[in-house]
Amino acid sequence: MDGLLRLSEDEEGGVRTIAAQGLAGLCGKLPRMFSGEIIDALLDMCGPAGDASAWSGALTALANCAVKKLLSP
């Protein structure tokens, strides 16, 4: 998981996209408690300290999770 989170911040857009898809797939296979931790980590990447690559990767991963209906209100 840590590796995918790091890759989702990569400068290369293709790497971020693949990492985001991997994170969403991982969230779909884990119990909700553990997938919630990944979602929290993605949301943390969108903080003021995150650069454009981190924001892009995190939002792409969150969008993939939303498409798979993995986000709860």
Protein backbone atom coordinates (compact mmCIF):
# COMPACT_ATOMS: atom_id res chain seq x y z
CA MET A 1 0.00 0.00 0.00
CA ASP A 2 2.78 2.44 0.88
CA GLY A 3 4.41 1.82 -2.47
CA LEU A 4 1.19 2.58 -4.35
CA LEU A 5 0.67 5.73 -2.28
CA ARG A 6 4.19 6.90 -3.15
CA LEU A 7 3.68 6.08 -6.82
CA SER A 8 0.43 8.04 -6.84
CA GLU A 9 2.57 11.15 -6.21
CA ASP A 10 4.95 10.44 -9.09
CA GLU A 11 5.72 13.23 -11.55
CA GLU A 12 4.73 10.99 -14.48
CA GLY A 13 0.98 11.07 -15.08
CA GLY A 14 0.78 7.50 -16.37
CA VAL A 15 2.43 6.17 -13.23
CA ARG A 16 -0.02 8.14 -11.06
CA THR A 17 -2.99 6.78 -13.01
CA ILE A 18 -1.91 3.16 -12.69
CA ALA A 19 -1.15 3.60 -8.99
CA ALA A 20 -4.57 5.22 -8.48
CA GLN A 21 -6.29 2.30 -10.21
CA GLY A 22 -4.30 -0.11 -8.05
CA LEU A 23 -5.28 1.69 -4.86
CA ALA A 24 -8.96 1.63 -5.84
CA GLY A 25 -8.73 -2.06 -6.65
CA LEU A 26 -7.04 -2.71 -3.32
CA CYS A 27 -9.76 -0.79 -1.49
CA GLY A 28 -12.36 -2.97 -3.19
CA LYS A 29 -10.76 -6.14 -1.88
CA LEU A 30 -10.11 -5.03 1.70
CA PRO A 31 -12.58 -4.85 4.57
CA ARG A 32 -14.12 -1.38 4.91
CA MET A 33 -12.05 -0.62 8.04
CA PHE A 34 -8.78 -1.05 6.15
CA SER A 35 -9.95 0.59 2.95
CA GLY A 36 -10.98 3.57 5.10
CA GLU A 37 -7.34 3.96 6.13
CA ILE A 38 -6.32 4.17 2.47
CA ILE A 39 -9.06 6.74 1.80
CA ASP A 40 -7.82 8.78 4.80
CA ALA A 41 -4.25 8.64 3.45
CA LEU A 42 -5.47 9.85 0.06
CA LEU A 43 -7.38 12.71 1.66
CA ASP A 44 -4.25 13.66 3.64
CA MET A 45 -2.34 13.94 0.35
CA CYS A 46 -4.75 16.72 -0.64
CA GLY A 47 -3.62 18.95 2.21
CA PRO A 48 -1.73 22.23 1.89
CA ALA A 49 1.62 20.42 1.97
CA GLY A 50 0.75 18.32 -1.10
CA ASP A 51 2.11 19.36 -4.47
CA ALA A 52 0.25 19.16 -7.77
CA SER A 53 1.37 15.58 -8.40
CA ALA A 54 0.12 14.44 -5.00
CA TRP A 55 -3.21 16.17 -5.51
CA SER A 56 -3.61 14.68 -8.98
CA GLY A 57 -2.81 11.14 -7.86
CA ALA A 58 -4.99 11.33 -4.75
CA LEU A 59 -7.98 12.76 -6.60
CA THR A 60 -7.62 10.20 -9.38
CA ALA A 61 -7.58 7.39 -6.81
CA LEU A 62 -10.59 8.86 -5.00
CA ALA A 63 -12.44 9.17 -8.32
CA ASN A 64 -11.71 5.51 -9.08
CA CYS A 65 -13.01 4.58 -5.62
CA ALA A 66 -16.16 6.61 -6.25
CA VAL A 67 -16.77 4.86 -9.56
CA LYS A 68 -16.49 1.51 -7.76
CA LYS A 69 -18.89 2.81 -5.07
CA LEU A 70 -16.28 2.37 -2.34
CA LEU A 71 -16.75 5.77 -0.70
CA SER A 72 -19.24 6.17 2.10
CA PRO A 73 -20.90 9.47 3.02
